[in-house]
PDB file of N, CA and C in Angstrom:
ATOM      1  N   MET A   1      40.241 123.904 104.937  1.00  0.00           N
ATOM      2  CA  MET A   1      41.450 124.337 105.580  1.00  0.00           C
ATOM      3  C   MET A   1      41.173 125.598 106.382  1.00  0.00           C
ATOM      4  N   THR A   2      41.572 125.603 107.623  1.00  0.00           N
ATOM      5  CA  THR A   2      41.336 126.761 108.484  1.00  0.00           C
ATOM      6  C   THR A   2      42.525 127.713 108.409  1.00  0.00           C
ATOM      7  N   ASN A   3      42.223 128.977 108.562  1.00  0.00           N
ATOM      8  CA  ASN A   3      43.267 130.002 108.520  1.00  0.00           C
ATOM      9  C   ASN A   3      43.580 130.431 109.946  1.00  0.00           C
ATOM     10  N   ASN A   4      44.624 129.854 110.519  1.00  0.00           N
ATOM     11  CA  ASN A   4      44.980 130.189 111.898  1.00  0.00           C
ATOM     12  C   ASN A   4      46.192 131.116 111.963  1.00  0.00           C
ATOM     13  N   GLY A   5      46.573 131.738 110.879  1.00  0.00           N
ATOM     14  CA  GLY A   5      47.682 132.680 110.872  1.00  0.00           C
ATOM     15  C   GLY A   5      49.023 132.040 110.616  1.00  0.00           C
ATOM     16  N   SER A   6      49.036 130.753 110.288  1.00  0.00           N
ATOM     17  CA  SER A   6      50.311 130.085 110.062  1.00  0.00           C
ATOM     18  C   SER A   6      50.774 130.196 108.618  1.00  0.00           C
ATOM     19  N   ASN A   7      49.937 130.716 107.764  1.00  0.00           N
ATOM     20  CA  ASN A   7      50.304 130.872 106.365  1.00  0.00           C
ATOM     21  C   ASN A   7      51.360 131.972 106.246  1.00  0.00           C
ATOM     22  N   ILE A   8      52.419 131.713 105.533  1.00  0.00           N
ATOM     23  CA  ILE A   8      53.536 132.645 105.410  1.00  0.00           C
ATOM     24  C   ILE A   8      53.113 133.945 104.728  1.00  0.00           C
ATOM     25  N   ASN A   9      52.079 133.902 103.905  1.00  0.00           N
ATOM     26  CA  ASN A   9      51.635 135.105 103.215  1.00  0.00           C
ATOM     27  C   ASN A   9      50.858 136.046 104.123  1.00  0.00           C
ATOM     28  N   THR A  10      50.333 135.571 105.227  1.00  0.00           N
ATOM     29  CA  THR A  10      49.567 136.435 106.114  1.00  0.00           C
ATOM     30  C   THR A  10      50.395 136.938 107.288  1.00  0.00           C
ATOM     31  N   GLN A  11      51.555 136.364 107.514  1.00  0.00           N
ATOM     32  CA  GLN A  11      52.398 136.828 108.619  1.00  0.00           C
ATOM     33  C   GLN A  11      53.347 137.896 108.099  1.00  0.00           C
ATOM     34  N   ARG A  12      53.204 139.071 108.670  1.00  0.00           N
ATOM     35  CA  ARG A  12      54.043 140.173 108.217  1.00  0.00           C
ATOM     36  C   ARG A  12      54.502 140.975 109.427  1.00  0.00           C
ATOM     37  N   GLY A  13      55.681 141.505 109.331  1.00  0.00           N
ATOM     38  CA  GLY A  13      56.218 142.371 110.376  1.00  0.00           C
ATOM     39  C   GLY A  13      56.054 143.827 109.971  1.00  0.00           C
ATOM     40  N   ALA A  14      56.834 144.663 110.580  1.00  0.00           N
ATOM     41  CA  ALA A  14      56.783 146.081 110.247  1.00  0.00           C
ATOM     42  C   ALA A  14      57.384 146.300 108.863  1.00  0.00           C
ATOM     43  N   SER A  15      56.774 147.197 108.120  1.00  0.00           N
ATOM     44  CA  SER A  15      57.275 147.479 106.775  1.00  0.00           C
ATOM     45  C   SER A  15      58.539 148.335 106.864  1.00  0.00           C
ATOM     46  N   GLY A  16      59.204 148.461 105.757  1.00  0.00           N
ATOM     47  CA  GLY A  16      60.420 149.269 105.709  1.00  0.00           C
ATOM     48  C   GLY A  16      60.157 150.728 106.041  1.00  0.00           C
ATOM     49  N   LEU A  17      58.997 151.238 105.602  1.00  0.00           N
ATOM     50  CA  LEU A  17      58.639 152.625 105.883  1.00  0.00           C
ATOM     51  C   LEU A  17      58.419 152.843 107.380  1.00  0.00           C
ATOM     52  N   VAL A  18      57.735 151.909 108.022  1.00  0.00           N
ATOM     53  CA  VAL A  18      57.496 152.015 109.467  1.00  0.00           C
ATOM     54  C   VAL A  18      58.817 151.968 110.222  1.00  0.00           C
ATOM     55  N   MET A  19      59.712 151.091 109.800  1.00  0.00           N
ATOM     56  CA  MET A  19      61.022 151.001 110.456  1.00  0.00           C
ATOM     57  C   MET A  19      61.812 152.299 110.280  1.00  0.00           C
ATOM     58  N   LEU A  20      61.747 152.897 109.099  1.00  0.00           N
ATOM     59  CA  LEU A  20      62.438 154.152 108.838  1.00  0.00           C
ATOM     60  C   LEU A  20      61.886 155.271 109.717  1.00  0.00           C
ATOM     61  N   VAL A  21      60.569 155.355 109.828  1.00  0.00           N
ATOM     62  CA  VAL A  21      59.940 156.368 110.676  1.00  0.00           C
ATOM     63  C   VAL A  21      60.341 156.165 112.132  1.00  0.00           C
ATOM     64  N   MET A  22      60.376 154.920 112.582  1.00  0.00           N
ATOM     65  CA  MET A  22      60.772 154.650 113.970  1.00  0.00           C
ATOM     66  C   MET A  22      62.228 155.047 114.214  1.00  0.00           C
ATOM     67  N   VAL A  23      63.108 154.742 113.285  1.00  0.00           N
ATOM     68  CA  VAL A  23      64.524 155.111 113.432  1.00  0.00           C
ATOM     69  C   VAL A  23      64.676 156.629 113.458  1.00  0.00           C
ATOM     70  N   LEU A  24      63.962 157.333 112.585  1.00  0.00           N
ATOM     71  CA  LEU A  24      64.022 158.794 112.578  1.00  0.00           C
ATOM     72  C   LEU A  24      63.469 159.387 113.867  1.00  0.00           C
ATOM     73  N   PHE A  25      62.375 158.842 114.365  1.00  0.00           N
ATOM     74  CA  PHE A  25      61.767 159.347 115.596  1.00  0.00           C
ATOM     75  C   PHE A  25      62.702 159.163 116.789  1.00  0.00           C
ATOM     76  N   PHE A  26      63.191 157.942 116.971  1.00  0.00           N
ATOM     77  CA  PHE A  26      64.062 157.693 118.115  1.00  0.00           C
ATOM     78  C   PHE A  26      65.423 158.370 117.952  1.00  0.00           C
ATOM     79  N   GLY A  27      65.875 158.527 116.726  1.00  0.00           N
ATOM     80  CA  GLY A  27      67.107 159.281 116.483  1.00  0.00           C
ATOM     81  C   GLY A  27      66.946 160.747 116.850  1.00  0.00           C
ATOM     82  N   SER A  28      65.774 161.312 116.536  1.00  0.00           N
ATOM     83  CA  SER A  28      65.489 162.702 116.904  1.00  0.00           C
ATOM     84  C   SER A  28      65.429 162.868 118.413  1.00  0.00           C
ATOM     85  N   LEU A  29      64.789 161.918 119.090  1.00  0.00           N
ATOM     86  CA  LEU A  29      64.741 161.985 120.553  1.00  0.00           C
ATOM     87  C   LEU A  29      66.135 161.901 121.164  1.00  0.00           C
ATOM     88  N   LEU A  30      66.961 161.031 120.637  1.00  0.00           N
ATOM     89  CA  LEU A  30      68.328 160.893 121.135  1.00  0.00           C
ATOM     90  C   LEU A  30      69.127 162.168 120.886  1.00  0.00           C
ATOM     91  N   THR A  31      68.941 162.782 119.726  1.00  0.00           N
ATOM     92  CA  THR A  31      69.625 164.042 119.422  1.00  0.00           C
ATOM     93  C   THR A  31      69.214 165.133 120.397  1.00  0.00           C
ATOM     94  N   LEU A  32      67.912 165.252 120.663  1.00  0.00           N
ATOM     95  CA  LEU A  32      67.443 166.250 121.625  1.00  0.00           C
ATOM     96  C   LEU A  32      68.005 165.990 123.011  1.00  0.00           C
ATOM     97  N   LEU A  33      68.034 164.748 123.415  1.00  0.00           N
ATOM     98  CA  LEU A  33      68.583 164.407 124.725  1.00  0.00           C
ATOM     99  C   LEU A  33      70.052 164.795 124.822  1.00  0.00           C
ATOM    100  N   LEU A  34      70.811 164.511 123.789  1.00  0.00           N
ATOM    101  CA  LEU A  34      72.241 164.828 123.805  1.00  0.00           C
ATOM    102  C   LEU A  34      72.510 166.329 123.720  1.00  0.00           C
ATOM    103  N   LYS A  35      71.625 167.082 123.075  1.00  0.00           N
ATOM    104  CA  LYS A  35      71.815 168.529 122.953  1.00  0.00           C
ATOM    105  C   LYS A  35      71.301 169.289 124.174  1.00  0.00           C
ATOM    106  N   LEU A  36      70.164 168.856 124.750  1.00  0.00           N
ATOM    107  CA  LEU A  36      69.547 169.591 125.851  1.00  0.00           C
ATOM    108  C   LEU A  36      69.961 169.077 127.221  1.00  0.00           C
ATOM    109  N   GLY A  37      70.366 167.840 127.305  1.00  0.00           N
ATOM    110  CA  GLY A  37      70.719 167.240 128.588  1.00  0.00           C
ATOM    111  C   GLY A  37      71.801 167.976 129.357  1.00  0.00           C
ATOM    112  N   PRO A  38      72.911 168.374 128.717  1.00  0.00           N
ATOM    113  CA  PRO A  38      73.960 169.070 129.474  1.00  0.00           C
ATOM    114  C   PRO A  38      73.499 170.371 130.122  1.00  0.00           C
ATOM    115  N   ALA A  39      72.592 171.110 129.479  1.00  0.00           N
ATOM    116  CA  ALA A  39      72.099 172.359 130.072  1.00  0.00           C
ATOM    117  C   ALA A  39      71.312 172.071 131.348  1.00  0.00           C
ATOM    118  N   TYR A  40      70.506 171.019 131.340  1.00  0.00           N
ATOM    119  CA  TYR A  40      69.746 170.668 132.536  1.00  0.00           C
ATOM    120  C   TYR A  40      70.651 170.112 133.627  1.00  0.00           C
ATOM    121  N   MET A  41      71.707 169.402 133.239  1.00  0.00           N
ATOM    122  CA  MET A  41      72.655 168.911 134.239  1.00  0.00           C
ATOM    123  C   MET A  41      73.424 170.075 134.870  1.00  0.00           C
ATOM    124  N   ASP A  42      73.795 171.082 134.064  1.00  0.00           N
ATOM    125  CA  ASP A  42      74.445 172.275 134.611  1.00  0.00           C
ATOM    126  C   ASP A  42      73.509 173.020 135.551  1.00  0.00           C
ATOM    127  N   ASP A  43      72.229 173.111 135.186  1.00  0.00           N
ATOM    128  CA  ASP A  43      71.265 173.783 136.057  1.00  0.00           C
ATOM    129  C   ASP A  43      71.133 173.053 137.387  1.00  0.00           C
ATOM    130  N   TYR A  44      71.136 171.744 137.351  1.00  0.00           N
ATOM    131  CA  TYR A  44      71.071 170.960 138.583  1.00  0.00           C
ATOM    132  C   TYR A  44      72.310 171.223 139.446  1.00  0.00           C
ATOM    133  N   THR A  45      73.466 171.323 138.826  1.00  0.00           N
ATOM    134  CA  THR A  45      74.703 171.616 139.551  1.00  0.00           C
ATOM    135  C   THR A  45      74.657 173.016 140.149  1.00  0.00           C
ATOM    136  N   ILE A  46      74.100 173.978 139.413  1.00  0.00           N
ATOM    137  CA  ILE A  46      73.953 175.343 139.926  1.00  0.00           C
ATOM    138  C   ILE A  46      73.032 175.350 141.136  1.00  0.00           C
ATOM    139  N   GLN A  47      71.927 174.617 141.067  1.00  0.00           N
ATOM    140  CA  GLN A  47      71.010 174.537 142.208  1.00  0.00           C
ATOM    141  C   GLN A  47      71.707 173.956 143.427  1.00  0.00           C
ATOM    142  N   GLU A  48      72.473 172.890 143.234  1.00  0.00           N
ATOM    143  CA  GLU A  48      73.180 172.272 144.358  1.00  0.00           C
ATOM    144  C   GLU A  48      74.200 173.230 144.962  1.00  0.00           C
ATOM    145  N   ALA A  49      74.922 173.967 144.123  1.00  0.00           N
ATOM    146  CA  ALA A  49      75.933 174.902 144.621  1.00  0.00           C
ATOM    147  C   ALA A  49      75.288 176.025 145.424  1.00  0.00           C
ATOM    148  N   LEU A  50      74.131 176.508 144.968  1.00  0.00           N
ATOM    149  CA  LEU A  50      73.464 177.592 145.686  1.00  0.00           C
ATOM    150  C   LEU A  50      72.819 177.102 146.976  1.00  0.00           C
ATOM    151  N   GLU A  51      72.271 175.899 146.960  1.00  0.00           N
ATOM    152  CA  GLU A  51      71.693 175.356 148.185  1.00  0.00           C
ATOM    153  C   GLU A  51      72.771 175.080 149.227  1.00  0.00           C
ATOM    154  N   ALA A  52      73.981 174.769 148.771  1.00  0.00           N
ATOM    155  CA  ALA A  52      75.088 174.523 149.700  1.00  0.00           C
ATOM    156  C   ALA A  52      75.555 175.812 150.367  1.00  0.00           C
ATOM    157  N   LEU A  53      75.195 176.967 149.806  1.00  0.00           N
ATOM    158  CA  LEU A  53      75.564 178.244 150.421  1.00  0.00           C
ATOM    159  C   LEU A  53      74.793 178.506 151.706  1.00  0.00           C
ATOM    160  N   ASP A  54      73.612 177.910 151.829  1.00  0.00           N
ATOM    161  CA  ASP A  54      72.792 178.150 153.019  1.00  0.00           C
ATOM    162  C   ASP A  54      73.547 177.676 154.257  1.00  0.00           C
ATOM    163  N   GLY A  55      73.685 178.564 155.192  1.00  0.00           N
ATOM    164  CA  GLY A  55      74.400 178.230 156.420  1.00  0.00           C
ATOM    165  C   GLY A  55      75.882 178.542 156.363  1.00  0.00           C
ATOM    166  N   THR A  56      76.347 179.130 155.258  1.00  0.00           N
ATOM    167  CA  THR A  56      77.756 179.506 155.158  1.00  0.00           C
ATOM    168  C   THR A  56      78.057 180.595 156.174  1.00  0.00           C
ATOM    169  N   LYS A  57      79.107 180.408 156.909  1.00  0.00           N
ATOM    170  CA  LYS A  57      79.467 181.387 157.938  1.00  0.00           C
ATOM    171  C   LYS A  57      79.857 182.708 157.290  1.00  0.00           C
ATOM    172  N   GLY A  58      79.302 183.783 157.817  1.00  0.00           N
ATOM    173  CA  GLY A  58      79.624 185.117 157.335  1.00  0.00           C
ATOM    174  C   GLY A  58      78.941 185.500 156.039  1.00  0.00           C
ATOM    175  N   LEU A  59      77.953 184.742 155.606  1.00  0.00           N
ATOM    176  CA  LEU A  59      77.276 185.042 154.341  1.00  0.00           C
ATOM    177  C   LEU A  59      76.554 186.382 154.409  1.00  0.00           C
ATOM    178  N   SER A  60      75.911 186.679 155.540  1.00  0.00           N
ATOM    179  CA  SER A  60      75.167 187.933 155.658  1.00  0.00           C
ATOM    180  C   SER A  60      76.098 189.136 155.762  1.00  0.00           C
ATOM    181  N   ALA A  61      77.352 188.920 156.164  1.00  0.00           N
ATOM    182  CA  ALA A  61      78.316 190.020 156.266  1.00  0.00           C
ATOM    183  C   ALA A  61      79.002 190.304 154.933  1.00  0.00           C
ATOM    184  N   MET A  62      78.899 189.383 153.999  1.00  0.00           N
ATOM    185  CA  MET A  62      79.544 189.566 152.690  1.00  0.00           C
ATOM    186  C   MET A  62      78.751 190.536 151.831  1.00  0.00           C
ATOM    187  N   GLY A  63      79.461 191.224 150.970  1.00  0.00           N
ATOM    188  CA  GLY A  63      78.813 192.088 149.997  1.00  0.00           C
ATOM    189  C   GLY A  63      78.343 191.272 148.805  1.00  0.00           C
ATOM    190  N   PRO A  64      77.517 191.870 147.958  1.00  0.00           N
ATOM    191  CA  PRO A  64      77.024 191.145 146.780  1.00  0.00           C
ATOM    192  C   PRO A  64      78.147 190.635 145.872  1.00  0.00           C
ATOM    193  N   ALA A  65      79.206 191.427 145.701  1.00  0.00           N
ATOM    194  CA  ALA A  65      80.318 190.991 144.848  1.00  0.00           C
ATOM    195  C   ALA A  65      81.027 189.783 145.451  1.00  0.00           C
ATOM    196  N   GLN A  66      81.147 189.749 146.768  1.00  0.00           N
ATOM    197  CA  GLN A  66      81.796 188.611 147.424  1.00  0.00           C
ATOM    198  C   GLN A  66      80.948 187.352 147.298  1.00  0.00           C
ATOM    199  N   VAL A  67      79.630 187.510 147.412  1.00  0.00           N
ATOM    200  CA  VAL A  67      78.731 186.354 147.278  1.00  0.00           C
ATOM    201  C   VAL A  67      78.805 185.812 145.852  1.00  0.00           C
ATOM    202  N   ARG A  68      78.794 186.722 144.857  1.00  0.00           N
ATOM    203  CA  ARG A  68      78.927 186.282 143.460  1.00  0.00           C
ATOM    204  C   ARG A  68      80.254 185.558 143.242  1.00  0.00           C
ATOM    205  N   SER A  69      81.317 186.087 143.829  1.00  0.00           N
ATOM    206  CA  SER A  69      82.628 185.448 143.694  1.00  0.00           C
ATOM    207  C   SER A  69      82.626 184.055 144.317  1.00  0.00           C
ATOM    208  N   LEU A  70      81.993 183.920 145.476  1.00  0.00           N
ATOM    209  CA  LEU A  70      81.895 182.618 146.139  1.00  0.00           C
ATOM    210  C   LEU A  70      81.115 181.623 145.275  1.00  0.00           C
ATOM    211  N   ILE A  71      80.019 182.092 144.685  1.00  0.00           N
ATOM    212  CA  ILE A  71      79.214 181.232 143.808  1.00  0.00           C
ATOM    213  C   ILE A  71      80.031 180.826 142.580  1.00  0.00           C
ATOM    214  N   ASN A  72      80.721 181.789 141.969  1.00  0.00           N
ATOM    215  CA  ASN A  72      81.518 181.481 140.771  1.00  0.00           C
ATOM    216  C   ASN A  72      82.638 180.502 141.077  1.00  0.00           C
ATOM    217  N   LYS A  73      83.241 180.592 142.259  1.00  0.00           N
ATOM    218  CA  LYS A  73      84.283 179.633 142.638  1.00  0.00           C
ATOM    219  C   LYS A  73      83.703 178.229 142.738  1.00  0.00           C
ATOM    220  N   ARG A  74      82.527 178.114 143.354  1.00  0.00           N
ATOM    221  CA  ARG A  74      81.898 176.792 143.483  1.00  0.00           C
ATOM    222  C   ARG A  74      81.514 176.218 142.126  1.00  0.00           C
ATOM    223  N   LEU A  75      81.068 177.086 141.233  1.00  0.00           N
ATOM    224  CA  LEU A  75      80.668 176.608 139.911  1.00  0.00           C
ATOM    225  C   LEU A  75      81.872 176.257 139.044  1.00  0.00           C
ATOM    226  N   SER A  76      82.961 176.993 139.189  1.00  0.00           N
ATOM    227  CA  SER A  76      84.145 176.673 138.383  1.00  0.00           C
ATOM    228  C   SER A  76      84.759 175.346 138.811  1.00  0.00           C
ATOM    229  N   VAL A  77      84.606 174.986 140.083  1.00  0.00           N
ATOM    230  CA  VAL A  77      85.080 173.679 140.538  1.00  0.00           C
ATOM    231  C   VAL A  77      84.309 172.570 139.828  1.00  0.00           C
ATOM    232  N   ASN A  78      83.025 172.807 139.582  1.00  0.00           N
ATOM    233  CA  ASN A  78      82.170 171.813 138.920  1.00  0.00           C
ATOM    234  C   ASN A  78      82.136 171.987 137.401  1.00  0.00           C
ATOM    235  N   ASN A  79      82.997 172.874 136.871  1.00  0.00           N
ATOM    236  CA  ASN A  79      83.119 173.093 135.430  1.00  0.00           C
ATOM    237  C   ASN A  79      81.805 173.560 134.793  1.00  0.00           C
ATOM    238  N   VAL A  80      81.103 174.464 135.475  1.00  0.00           N
ATOM    239  CA  VAL A  80      79.886 175.056 134.930  1.00  0.00           C
ATOM    240  C   VAL A  80      80.259 176.410 134.345  1.00  0.00           C
ATOM    241  N   ARG A  81      80.090 176.557 133.046  1.00  0.00           N
ATOM    242  CA  ARG A  81      80.492 177.787 132.358  1.00  0.00           C
ATOM    243  C   ARG A  81      79.294 178.545 131.771  1.00  0.00           C
ATOM    244  N   THR A  82      78.091 178.055 131.963  1.00  0.00           N
ATOM    245  CA  THR A  82      76.925 178.666 131.324  1.00  0.00           C
ATOM    246  C   THR A  82      76.384 179.865 132.088  1.00  0.00           C
ATOM    247  N   LEU A  83      76.802 180.060 133.324  1.00  0.00           N
ATOM    248  CA  LEU A  83      76.243 181.114 134.170  1.00  0.00           C
ATOM    249  C   LEU A  83      77.227 182.264 134.273  1.00  0.00           C
ATOM    250  N   SER A  84      76.782 183.468 133.914  1.00  0.00           N
ATOM    251  CA  SER A  84      77.632 184.649 134.037  1.00  0.00           C
ATOM    252  C   SER A  84      77.309 185.370 135.338  1.00  0.00           C
ATOM    253  N   ALA A  85      78.210 186.233 135.764  1.00  0.00           N
ATOM    254  CA  ALA A  85      78.018 186.966 137.019  1.00  0.00           C
ATOM    255  C   ALA A  85      76.819 187.912 136.931  1.00  0.00           C
ATOM    256  N   GLU A  86      76.506 188.389 135.732  1.00  0.00           N
ATOM    257  CA  GLU A  86      75.364 189.301 135.564  1.00  0.00           C
ATOM    258  C   GLU A  86      74.031 188.595 135.772  1.00  0.00           C
ATOM    259  N   SER A  87      74.027 187.281 135.706  1.00  0.00           N
ATOM    260  CA  SER A  87      72.790 186.512 135.877  1.00  0.00           C
ATOM    261  C   SER A  87      72.439 186.293 137.339  1.00  0.00           C
ATOM    262  N   ILE A  88      73.338 186.666 138.233  1.00  0.00           N
ATOM    263  CA  ILE A  88      73.137 186.446 139.667  1.00  0.00           C
ATOM    264  C   ILE A  88      72.816 187.783 140.323  1.00  0.00           C
ATOM    265  N   THR A  89      71.669 187.847 141.004  1.00  0.00           N
ATOM    266  CA  THR A  89      71.278 189.037 141.747  1.00  0.00           C
ATOM    267  C   THR A  89      71.305 188.704 143.230  1.00  0.00           C
ATOM    268  N   VAL A  90      72.004 189.535 144.003  1.00  0.00           N
ATOM    269  CA  VAL A  90      72.121 189.313 145.444  1.00  0.00           C
ATOM    270  C   VAL A  90      71.524 190.518 146.157  1.00  0.00           C
ATOM    271  N   ASP A  91      70.493 190.295 146.974  1.00  0.00           N
ATOM    272  CA  ASP A  91      69.873 191.335 147.789  1.00  0.00           C
ATOM    273  C   ASP A  91      70.015 190.950 149.246  1.00  0.00           C
ATOM    274  N   LYS A  92      70.316 191.949 150.086  1.00  0.00           N
ATOM    275  CA  LYS A  92      70.486 191.690 151.513  1.00  0.00           C
ATOM    276  C   LYS A  92      69.422 192.435 152.297  1.00  0.00           C
ATOM    277  N   ASP A  93      68.888 191.762 153.312  1.00  0.00           N
ATOM    278  CA  ASP A  93      67.915 192.359 154.217  1.00  0.00           C
ATOM    279  C   ASP A  93      68.282 191.908 155.622  1.00  0.00           C
ATOM    280  N   GLY A  94      69.106 192.697 156.286  1.00  0.00           N
ATOM    281  CA  GLY A  94      69.571 192.301 157.616  1.00  0.00           C
ATOM    282  C   GLY A  94      70.484 191.101 157.509  1.00  0.00           C
ATOM    283  N   ASP A  95      70.122 190.032 158.209  1.00  0.00           N
ATOM    284  CA  ASP A  95      70.935 188.809 158.120  1.00  0.00           C
ATOM    285  C   ASP A  95      70.399 187.837 157.069  1.00  0.00           C
ATOM    286  N   ARG A  96      69.371 188.237 156.346  1.00  0.00           N
ATOM    287  CA  ARG A  96      68.822 187.412 155.266  1.00  0.00           C
ATOM    288  C   ARG A  96      69.471 187.814 153.944  1.00  0.00           C
ATOM    289  N   VAL A  97      69.760 186.831 153.133  1.00  0.00           N
ATOM    290  CA  VAL A  97      70.348 187.066 151.814  1.00  0.00           C
ATOM    291  C   VAL A  97      69.443 186.406 150.780  1.00  0.00           C
ATOM    292  N   LEU A  98      68.984 187.190 149.816  1.00  0.00           N
ATOM    293  CA  LEU A  98      68.142 186.671 148.736  1.00  0.00           C
ATOM    294  C   LEU A  98      68.993 186.611 147.469  1.00  0.00           C
ATOM    295  N   ILE A  99      69.142 185.417 146.937  1.00  0.00           N
ATOM    296  CA  ILE A  99      69.920 185.209 145.716  1.00  0.00           C
ATOM    297  C   ILE A  99      68.961 184.745 144.624  1.00  0.00           C
ATOM    298  N   VAL A 100      68.940 185.488 143.526  1.00  0.00           N
ATOM    299  CA  VAL A 100      68.102 185.141 142.375  1.00  0.00           C
ATOM    300  C   VAL A 100      69.025 184.859 141.192  1.00  0.00           C
ATOM    301  N   VAL A 101      68.843 183.697 140.606  1.00  0.00           N
ATOM    302  CA  VAL A 101      69.614 183.299 139.428  1.00  0.00           C
ATOM    303  C   VAL A 101      68.636 183.203 138.266  1.00  0.00           C
ATOM    304  N   ASP A 102      68.869 184.007 137.241  1.00  0.00           N
ATOM    305  CA  ASP A 102      67.976 184.065 136.086  1.00  0.00           C
ATOM    306  C   ASP A 102      68.839 184.072 134.823  1.00  0.00           C
ATOM    307  N   TYR A 103      68.789 182.999 134.061  1.00  0.00           N
ATOM    308  CA  TYR A 103      69.622 182.904 132.866  1.00  0.00           C
ATOM    309  C   TYR A 103      68.953 182.006 131.840  1.00  0.00           C
ATOM    310  N   GLU A 104      69.459 182.089 130.622  1.00  0.00           N
ATOM    311  CA  GLU A 104      68.963 181.210 129.566  1.00  0.00           C
ATOM    312  C   GLU A 104      70.143 180.621 128.810  1.00  0.00           C
ATOM    313  N   VAL A 105      69.896 179.457 128.260  1.00  0.00           N
ATOM    314  CA  VAL A 105      70.914 178.730 127.508  1.00  0.00           C
ATOM    315  C   VAL A 105      70.355 178.461 126.116  1.00  0.00           C
ATOM    316  N   ARG A 106      71.141 178.793 125.113  1.00  0.00           N
ATOM    317  CA  ARG A 106      70.767 178.493 123.722  1.00  0.00           C
ATOM    318  C   ARG A 106      71.636 177.353 123.236  1.00  0.00           C
ATOM    319  N   SER A 107      70.988 176.354 122.688  1.00  0.00           N
ATOM    320  CA  SER A 107      71.711 175.186 122.204  1.00  0.00           C
ATOM    321  C   SER A 107      71.303 174.910 120.762  1.00  0.00           C
ATOM    322  N   PRO A 108      72.264 174.882 119.839  1.00  0.00           N
ATOM    323  CA  PRO A 108      71.907 174.561 118.453  1.00  0.00           C
ATOM    324  C   PRO A 108      71.492 173.096 118.340  1.00  0.00           C
ATOM    325  N   VAL A 109      70.351 172.876 117.711  1.00  0.00           N
ATOM    326  CA  VAL A 109      69.848 171.510 117.565  1.00  0.00           C
ATOM    327  C   VAL A 109      70.229 170.972 116.187  1.00  0.00           C
ATOM    328  N   ILE A 110      69.691 171.587 115.152  1.00  0.00           N
ATOM    329  CA  ILE A 110      69.997 171.182 113.779  1.00  0.00           C
ATOM    330  C   ILE A 110      70.080 172.443 112.924  1.00  0.00           C
ATOM    331  N   SER A 111      71.146 172.618 112.214  1.00  0.00           N
ATOM    332  CA  SER A 111      71.329 173.702 111.263  1.00  0.00           C
ATOM    333  C   SER A 111      70.989 175.051 111.890  1.00  0.00           C
ATOM    334  N   ASN A 112      69.896 175.679 111.488  1.00  0.00           N
ATOM    335  CA  ASN A 112      69.534 176.984 112.029  1.00  0.00           C
ATOM    336  C   ASN A 112      68.426 176.897 113.078  1.00  0.00           C
ATOM    337  N   ILE A 113      68.219 175.754 113.666  1.00  0.00           N
ATOM    338  CA  ILE A 113      67.207 175.560 114.705  1.00  0.00           C
ATOM    339  C   ILE A 113      67.906 175.490 116.052  1.00  0.00           C
ATOM    340  N   ASP A 114      67.537 176.417 116.943  1.00  0.00           N
ATOM    341  CA  ASP A 114      68.100 176.462 118.289  1.00  0.00           C
ATOM    342  C   ASP A 114      67.019 176.157 119.311  1.00  0.00           C
ATOM    343  N   ALA A 115      67.444 175.564 120.413  1.00  0.00           N
ATOM    344  CA  ALA A 115      66.550 175.359 121.552  1.00  0.00           C
ATOM    345  C   ALA A 115      66.951 176.372 122.616  1.00  0.00           C
ATOM    346  N   VAL A 116      65.965 177.077 123.163  1.00  0.00           N
ATOM    347  CA  VAL A 116      66.220 178.066 124.204  1.00  0.00           C
ATOM    348  C   VAL A 116      65.616 177.546 125.500  1.00  0.00           C
ATOM    349  N   MET A 117      66.466 177.435 126.516  1.00  0.00           N
ATOM    350  CA  MET A 117      66.020 176.976 127.832  1.00  0.00           C
ATOM    351  C   MET A 117      66.220 178.116 128.821  1.00  0.00           C
ATOM    352  N   HIS A 118      65.160 178.479 129.518  1.00  0.00           N
ATOM    353  CA  HIS A 118      65.207 179.579 130.485  1.00  0.00           C
ATOM    354  C   HIS A 118      65.108 178.995 131.887  1.00  0.00           C
ATOM    355  N   PHE A 119      66.038 179.392 132.744  1.00  0.00           N
ATOM    356  CA  PHE A 119      66.069 178.900 134.115  1.00  0.00           C
ATOM    357  C   PHE A 119      66.016 180.087 135.064  1.00  0.00           C
ATOM    358  N   LYS A 120      65.226 179.953 136.124  1.00  0.00           N
ATOM    359  CA  LYS A 120      65.146 180.997 137.143  1.00  0.00           C
ATOM    360  C   LYS A 120      64.944 180.327 138.489  1.00  0.00           C
ATOM    361  N   HIS A 121      65.808 180.687 139.439  1.00  0.00           N
ATOM    362  CA  HIS A 121      65.730 180.132 140.786  1.00  0.00           C
ATOM    363  C   HIS A 121      65.938 181.257 141.789  1.00  0.00           C
ATOM    364  N   ALA A 122      65.221 181.195 142.894  1.00  0.00           N
ATOM    365  CA  ALA A 122      65.386 182.169 143.974  1.00  0.00           C
ATOM    366  C   ALA A 122      65.666 181.415 145.267  1.00  0.00           C
ATOM    367  N   TYR A 123      66.632 181.915 146.021  1.00  0.00           N
ATOM    368  CA  TYR A 123      67.031 181.290 147.284  1.00  0.00           C
ATOM    369  C   TYR A 123      67.044 182.355 148.365  1.00  0.00           C
ATOM    370  N   ASP A 124      66.371 182.075 149.465  1.00  0.00           N
ATOM    371  CA  ASP A 124      66.345 182.961 150.626  1.00  0.00           C
ATOM    372  C   ASP A 124      67.150 182.278 151.719  1.00  0.00           C
ATOM    373  N   MET A 125      68.285 182.876 152.067  1.00  0.00           N
ATOM    374  CA  MET A 125      69.198 182.217 152.996  1.00  0.00           C
ATOM    375  C   MET A 125      69.501 183.113 154.181  1.00  0.00           C
ATOM    376  N   SER A 126      69.893 182.476 155.250  1.00  0.00           N
ATOM    377  CA  SER A 126      70.364 183.216 156.419  1.00  0.00           C
ATOM    378  C   SER A 126      71.815 182.842 156.645  1.00  0.00           C
ATOM    379  N   GLY A 127      72.654 183.845 156.785  1.00  0.00           N
ATOM    380  CA  GLY A 127      74.071 183.580 157.040  1.00  0.00           C
ATOM    381  C   GLY A 127      74.370 183.753 158.513  1.00  0.00           C
ATOM    382  N   GLN A 128      75.147 182.846 159.075  1.00  0.00           N
ATOM    383  CA  GLN A 128      75.473 182.954 160.490  1.00  0.00           C
ATOM    384  C   GLN A 128      76.596 183.935 160.700  1.00  0.00           C
TER     385      GLN A 128
END
């Protein structure tokens, strides 16, 4: 009799332990995605809002407080609450405006374990 793998005793699938490890692994990945994903989506929205400022009429004539206010208005429309006004630095050089956004987001993952995400972006814009 030849053994071609059709014997029920030799055909086996994943054991219960392997299945448990796989469920825990993919569950952990899903948890991380659900906890960290919103911070990255907010950062993407912040980048889009700041890139949309390029070419804004009168940007170079505005003071730093006015530019921060304009940025905060755009972010509040998109329901972004992770960025504070202190995280935005506005420097002016003639008609050039340099905006630096530097902030971090802390997200609780499990119990006393937090994930810290640091974001920093610099934009050099010219206002008409």
